[in-house]
Amino acid sequence: MASRSHAYHFLTHWRVRGTVEEVANVLADPTDLPRWWPSVYLDVEQLSPGDENGIGGVVELFSKGWLPYTVRWRFGVTEADPPHSIALEASGDFVGEGRWTFIQDGPDVAITYDWRVEAQKPMLRRLSFLLKPIFAANHHWAMARGEESLDLELRRRRAKTDAERDALGSPPGPTFRW
């Protein structure tokens, strides 16, 4: 896969204040992505819930980055070791696999997302040979918004009052919406 111009491998590292259990709980519920990570996830529909750990669960996603295009794709949870990891298989505008891992490091959680996909959306597939650095920058922007939004969501969940939650503000929204 790595030799194809439309193949991508991204290794993202986040660090947020919290516990692996808190982080795993947030990321284990993909239907909630549009609420807490609205800059990227415009819509998510659960097609199958999977077992008690989410294995076998399938969701359909409508997402975007800062560039003016959207992607439609699905992922199915293929492995889960709560609260340490979640693996998924993607299909649709992206085909490939991703793996989230969560490691407690003092009061923080070190999060890694290993995303290996091939772009299947015709525009992305055709233009990757030329615009791969721009498409990669789009992914990095999206993931930076995710880290920011996850940190905010964890603080929101720990807030003791509505006033504390309201003072946190909203997560960053999308750069455009279709």
C-alpha atoms as a PDB file:
ATOM      1  CA  MET A   1       0.000   0.000   0.000  1.00  0.00           C
ATOM      2  CA  ALA A   2       2.784   2.498   0.848  1.00  0.00           C
ATOM      3  CA  SER A   3       4.087   2.718  -2.727  1.00  0.00           C
ATOM      4  CA  ARG A   4       0.781   3.967  -4.168  1.00  0.00           C
ATOM      5  CA  SER A   5       0.423   7.722  -4.506  1.00  0.00           C
ATOM      6  CA  HIS A   6      -3.070   7.599  -2.959  1.00  0.00           C
ATOM      7  CA  ALA A   7      -1.902   5.588   0.090  1.00  0.00           C
ATOM      8  CA  TYR A   8      -1.449   7.443   3.366  1.00  0.00           C
ATOM      9  CA  HIS A   9       0.076   6.517   6.704  1.00  0.00           C
ATOM     10  CA  PHE A  10      -0.460   8.928   9.570  1.00  0.00           C
ATOM     11  CA  LEU A  11       0.828   8.452  13.097  1.00  0.00           C
ATOM     12  CA  THR A  12      -0.833  10.956  15.425  1.00  0.00           C
ATOM     13  CA  HIS A  13       0.117  11.550  19.052  1.00  0.00           C
ATOM     14  CA  TRP A  14      -2.158  13.347  21.498  1.00  0.00           C
ATOM     15  CA  ARG A  15      -1.732  14.092  25.172  1.00  0.00           C
ATOM     16  CA  VAL A  16      -4.720  14.999  27.348  1.00  0.00           C
ATOM     17  CA  ARG A  17      -5.362  15.299  31.062  1.00  0.00           C
ATOM     18  CA  GLY A  18      -7.450  12.363  32.249  1.00  0.00           C
ATOM     19  CA  THR A  19      -7.546   8.617  32.607  1.00  0.00           C
ATOM     20  CA  VAL A  20      -7.409   5.892  29.968  1.00  0.00           C
ATOM     21  CA  GLU A  21     -10.924   4.909  31.037  1.00  0.00           C
ATOM     22  CA  GLU A  22     -12.253   8.422  30.378  1.00  0.00           C
ATOM     23  CA  VAL A  23     -10.567   8.638  26.976  1.00  0.00           C
ATOM     24  CA  ALA A  24     -11.659   5.147  25.947  1.00  0.00           C
ATOM     25  CA  ASN A  25     -15.255   5.921  26.956  1.00  0.00           C
ATOM     26  CA  VAL A  26     -15.342   9.026  24.763  1.00  0.00           C
ATOM     27  CA  LEU A  27     -13.741   7.385  21.724  1.00  0.00           C
ATOM     28  CA  ALA A  28     -15.746   4.157  22.083  1.00  0.00           C
ATOM     29  CA  ASP A  29     -18.960   6.044  21.205  1.00  0.00           C
ATOM     30  CA  PRO A  30     -18.595   7.134  17.570  1.00  0.00           C
ATOM     31  CA  THR A  31     -22.201   8.366  17.391  1.00  0.00           C
ATOM     32  CA  ASP A  32     -21.203  11.224  19.719  1.00  0.00           C
ATOM     33  CA  LEU A  33     -18.382  12.482  17.423  1.00  0.00           C
ATOM     34  CA  PRO A  34     -20.447  15.271  15.769  1.00  0.00           C
ATOM     35  CA  ARG A  35     -21.213  16.770  19.191  1.00  0.00           C
ATOM     36  CA  TRP A  36     -17.717  16.911  20.664  1.00  0.00           C
ATOM     37  CA  TRP A  37     -15.584  16.958  17.429  1.00  0.00           C
ATOM     38  CA  PRO A  38     -17.851  19.015  15.117  1.00  0.00           C
ATOM     39  CA  SER A  39     -14.989  20.534  13.128  1.00  0.00           C
ATOM     40  CA  VAL A  40     -14.507  17.144  11.426  1.00  0.00           C
ATOM     41  CA  TYR A  41     -17.548  14.917  11.978  1.00  0.00           C
ATOM     42  CA  LEU A  42     -20.656  16.354  10.361  1.00  0.00           C
ATOM     43  CA  ASP A  43     -22.832  13.258  10.709  1.00  0.00           C
ATOM     44  CA  VAL A  44     -22.474   9.714  12.065  1.00  0.00           C
ATOM     45  CA  GLU A  45     -25.028   6.944  11.762  1.00  0.00           C
ATOM     46  CA  GLN A  46     -24.730   3.699  13.667  1.00  0.00           C
ATOM     47  CA  LEU A  47     -25.434   0.724  11.398  1.00  0.00           C
ATOM     48  CA  SER A  48     -24.604  -1.986  13.955  1.00  0.00           C
ATOM     49  CA  PRO A  49     -23.747  -1.571  17.660  1.00  0.00           C
ATOM     50  CA  GLY A  50     -21.422  -4.576  17.980  1.00  0.00           C
ATOM     51  CA  ASP A  51     -20.827  -6.543  21.154  1.00  0.00           C
ATOM     52  CA  GLU A  52     -20.293  -5.184  24.692  1.00  0.00           C
ATOM     53  CA  ASN A  53     -16.820  -3.895  23.666  1.00  0.00           C
ATOM     54  CA  GLY A  54     -18.046  -2.536  20.332  1.00  0.00           C
ATOM     55  CA  ILE A  55     -16.422  -5.294  18.255  1.00  0.00           C
ATOM     56  CA  GLY A  56     -18.438  -5.764  15.093  1.00  0.00           C
ATOM     57  CA  GLY A  57     -19.979  -2.322  15.444  1.00  0.00           C
ATOM     58  CA  VAL A  58     -20.263  -0.389  12.179  1.00  0.00           C
ATOM     59  CA  VAL A  59     -20.861   3.325  11.671  1.00  0.00           C
ATOM     60  CA  GLU A  60     -21.249   5.473   8.576  1.00  0.00           C
ATOM     61  CA  LEU A  61     -19.523   8.855   8.717  1.00  0.00           C
ATOM     62  CA  PHE A  62     -19.741  12.137   6.828  1.00  0.00           C
ATOM     63  CA  SER A  63     -16.600  14.113   7.625  1.00  0.00           C
ATOM     64  CA  LYS A  64     -14.278  16.889   6.472  1.00  0.00           C
ATOM     65  CA  GLY A  65     -11.158  18.852   7.268  1.00  0.00           C
ATOM     66  CA  TRP A  66     -10.271  22.469   6.487  1.00  0.00           C
ATOM     67  CA  LEU A  67     -10.177  21.865   2.727  1.00  0.00           C
ATOM     68  CA  PRO A  68     -13.466  22.343   0.821  1.00  0.00           C
ATOM     69  CA  TYR A  69     -14.367  18.694   0.286  1.00  0.00           C
ATOM     70  CA  THR A  70     -16.157  16.044   2.332  1.00  0.00           C
ATOM     71  CA  VAL A  71     -15.733  12.291   2.618  1.00  0.00           C
ATOM     72  CA  ARG A  72     -18.233   9.514   3.223  1.00  0.00           C
ATOM     73  CA  TRP A  73     -16.903   6.360   4.761  1.00  0.00           C
ATOM     74  CA  ARG A  74     -17.644   3.574   7.204  1.00  0.00           C
ATOM     75  CA  PHE A  75     -15.684   1.908   9.876  1.00  0.00           C
ATOM     76  CA  GLY A  76     -16.149  -1.328  11.691  1.00  0.00           C
ATOM     77  CA  VAL A  77     -14.529  -2.080  15.032  1.00  0.00           C
ATOM     78  CA  THR A  78     -12.321  -5.139  14.561  1.00  0.00           C
ATOM     79  CA  GLU A  79     -10.596  -5.277  17.955  1.00  0.00           C
ATOM     80  CA  ALA A  80     -11.074  -3.695  21.357  1.00  0.00           C
ATOM     81  CA  ASP A  81      -9.106  -4.047  24.570  1.00  0.00           C
ATOM     82  CA  PRO A  82     -10.867  -1.561  26.870  1.00  0.00           C
ATOM     83  CA  PRO A  83      -9.536   0.794  28.032  1.00  0.00           C
ATOM     84  CA  HIS A  84      -6.247   0.374  26.174  1.00  0.00           C
ATOM     85  CA  SER A  85      -7.005   0.124  22.453  1.00  0.00           C
ATOM     86  CA  ILE A  86      -9.561   0.150  19.656  1.00  0.00           C
ATOM     87  CA  ALA A  87      -8.877  -1.049  16.100  1.00  0.00           C
ATOM     88  CA  LEU A  88     -11.050  -0.350  13.091  1.00  0.00           C
ATOM     89  CA  GLU A  89     -11.352  -1.154   9.410  1.00  0.00           C
ATOM     90  CA  ALA A  90     -12.422   1.623   7.025  1.00  0.00           C
ATOM     91  CA  SER A  91     -14.300   1.440   3.731  1.00  0.00           C
ATOM     92  CA  GLY A  92     -15.832   3.955   1.357  1.00  0.00           C
ATOM     93  CA  ASP A  93     -13.895   7.119   0.464  1.00  0.00           C
ATOM     94  CA  PHE A  94     -11.090   5.678   2.644  1.00  0.00           C
ATOM     95  CA  VAL A  95     -10.094   2.007   2.688  1.00  0.00           C
ATOM     96  CA  GLY A  96      -7.699   0.726   5.316  1.00  0.00           C
ATOM     97  CA  GLU A  97      -7.275   0.430   9.043  1.00  0.00           C
ATOM     98  CA  GLY A  98      -6.723   2.482  12.154  1.00  0.00           C
ATOM     99  CA  ARG A  99      -5.691   1.747  15.712  1.00  0.00           C
ATOM    100  CA  TRP A 100      -6.145   3.927  18.784  1.00  0.00           C
ATOM    101  CA  THR A 101      -3.952   3.157  21.809  1.00  0.00           C
ATOM    102  CA  PHE A 102      -4.205   4.778  25.235  1.00  0.00           C
ATOM    103  CA  ILE A 103      -1.432   4.753  27.852  1.00  0.00           C
ATOM    104  CA  GLN A 104      -1.711   6.339  31.280  1.00  0.00           C
ATOM    105  CA  ASP A 105       1.251   8.630  31.945  1.00  0.00           C
ATOM    106  CA  GLY A 106       0.797  10.224  35.350  1.00  0.00           C
ATOM    107  CA  PRO A 107      -2.215  12.575  35.224  1.00  0.00           C
ATOM    108  CA  ASP A 108      -2.231  12.456  31.403  1.00  0.00           C
ATOM    109  CA  VAL A 109      -3.142   9.957  28.739  1.00  0.00           C
ATOM    110  CA  ALA A 110      -0.748   9.443  25.844  1.00  0.00           C
ATOM    111  CA  ILE A 111      -2.899   8.642  22.826  1.00  0.00           C
ATOM    112  CA  THR A 112      -1.622   7.278  19.525  1.00  0.00           C
ATOM    113  CA  TYR A 113      -3.656   6.898  16.359  1.00  0.00           C
ATOM    114  CA  ASP A 114      -2.056   4.818  13.608  1.00  0.00           C
ATOM    115  CA  TRP A 115      -4.093   5.387  10.398  1.00  0.00           C
ATOM    116  CA  ARG A 116      -3.173   3.514   7.197  1.00  0.00           C
ATOM    117  CA  VAL A 117      -5.573   4.178   4.358  1.00  0.00           C
ATOM    118  CA  GLU A 118      -5.883   4.522   0.638  1.00  0.00           C
ATOM    119  CA  ALA A 119      -7.989   7.366  -0.713  1.00  0.00           C
ATOM    120  CA  GLN A 120     -10.823   6.012  -2.831  1.00  0.00           C
ATOM    121  CA  LYS A 121     -12.806   9.216  -3.384  1.00  0.00           C
ATOM    122  CA  PRO A 122     -12.133   9.914  -7.078  1.00  0.00           C
ATOM    123  CA  MET A 123     -10.848  13.470  -6.569  1.00  0.00           C
ATOM    124  CA  LEU A 124      -8.484  12.424  -3.769  1.00  0.00           C
ATOM    125  CA  ARG A 125      -7.320   9.341  -5.632  1.00  0.00           C
ATOM    126  CA  ARG A 126      -6.611  11.232  -8.869  1.00  0.00           C
ATOM    127  CA  LEU A 127      -4.920  14.228  -7.256  1.00  0.00           C
ATOM    128  CA  SER A 128      -2.910  12.503  -4.506  1.00  0.00           C
ATOM    129  CA  PHE A 129       0.195  12.276  -6.711  1.00  0.00           C
ATOM    130  CA  LEU A 130       0.212  16.074  -6.898  1.00  0.00           C
ATOM    131  CA  LEU A 131      -1.539  17.279  -3.733  1.00  0.00           C
ATOM    132  CA  LYS A 132      -0.519  14.636  -1.186  1.00  0.00           C
ATOM    133  CA  PRO A 133       1.228  17.195   1.088  1.00  0.00           C
ATOM    134  CA  ILE A 134      -1.921  19.362   1.130  1.00  0.00           C
ATOM    135  CA  PHE A 135      -4.158  16.370   1.830  1.00  0.00           C
ATOM    136  CA  ALA A 136      -1.770  15.348   4.619  1.00  0.00           C
ATOM    137  CA  ALA A 137      -1.906  18.867   6.080  1.00  0.00           C
ATOM    138  CA  ASN A 138      -5.696  18.601   6.014  1.00  0.00           C
ATOM    139  CA  HIS A 139      -5.492  15.391   8.053  1.00  0.00           C
ATOM    140  CA  HIS A 140      -3.072  16.977  10.562  1.00  0.00           C
ATOM    141  CA  TRP A 141      -5.411  19.964  10.957  1.00  0.00           C
ATOM    142  CA  ALA A 142      -8.350  17.614  11.603  1.00  0.00           C
ATOM    143  CA  MET A 143      -6.430  15.624  14.188  1.00  0.00           C
ATOM    144  CA  ALA A 144      -5.249  18.784  15.981  1.00  0.00           C
ATOM    145  CA  ARG A 145      -8.915  19.810  16.296  1.00  0.00           C
ATOM    146  CA  GLY A 146      -9.611  16.340  17.672  1.00  0.00           C
ATOM    147  CA  GLU A 147      -7.035  16.668  20.436  1.00  0.00           C
ATOM    148  CA  GLU A 148      -8.372  20.111  21.332  1.00  0.00           C
ATOM    149  CA  SER A 149     -11.975  18.860  21.269  1.00  0.00           C
ATOM    150  CA  LEU A 150     -11.224  15.714  23.280  1.00  0.00           C
ATOM    151  CA  ASP A 151      -9.498  17.759  25.975  1.00  0.00           C
ATOM    152  CA  LEU A 152     -12.539  20.063  26.129  1.00  0.00           C
ATOM    153  CA  GLU A 153     -14.942  17.098  26.262  1.00  0.00           C
ATOM    154  CA  LEU A 154     -13.032  15.521  29.154  1.00  0.00           C
ATOM    155  CA  ARG A 155     -13.103  18.823  31.072  1.00  0.00           C
ATOM    156  CA  ARG A 156     -16.818  19.177  30.276  1.00  0.00           C
ATOM    157  CA  ARG A 157     -17.534  15.687  31.640  1.00  0.00           C
ATOM    158  CA  ARG A 158     -15.639  16.454  34.849  1.00  0.00           C
ATOM    159  CA  ALA A 159     -17.380  19.811  35.405  1.00  0.00           C
ATOM    160  CA  LYS A 160     -19.464  19.772  38.544  1.00  0.00           C
ATOM    161  CA  THR A 161     -22.040  22.396  37.560  1.00  0.00           C
ATOM    162  CA  ASP A 162     -23.760  23.698  34.435  1.00  0.00           C
ATOM    163  CA  ALA A 163     -22.011  27.032  35.013  1.00  0.00           C
ATOM    164  CA  GLU A 164     -18.598  25.296  34.923  1.00  0.00           C
ATOM    165  CA  ARG A 165     -19.573  23.491  31.718  1.00  0.00           C
ATOM    166  CA  ASP A 166     -20.865  26.687  30.100  1.00  0.00           C
ATOM    167  CA  ALA A 167     -17.627  28.516  30.980  1.00  0.00           C
ATOM    168  CA  LEU A 168     -15.639  25.991  28.928  1.00  0.00           C
ATOM    169  CA  GLY A 169     -17.152  27.171  25.655  1.00  0.00           C
ATOM    170  CA  SER A 170     -17.801  25.118  22.547  1.00  0.00           C
ATOM    171  CA  PRO A 171     -15.471  22.892  20.534  1.00  0.00           C
ATOM    172  CA  PRO A 172     -14.180  24.338  17.264  1.00  0.00           C
ATOM    173  CA  GLY A 173     -16.731  24.063  14.481  1.00  0.00           C
ATOM    174  CA  PRO A 174     -16.312  23.138  10.814  1.00  0.00           C
ATOM    175  CA  THR A 175     -14.627  25.513   8.378  1.00  0.00           C
ATOM    176  CA  PHE A 176     -17.569  24.956   6.024  1.00  0.00           C
ATOM    177  CA  ARG A 177     -20.711  22.849   5.998  1.00  0.00           C
ATOM    178  CA  TRP A 178     -22.443  21.266   3.001  1.00  0.00           C
END
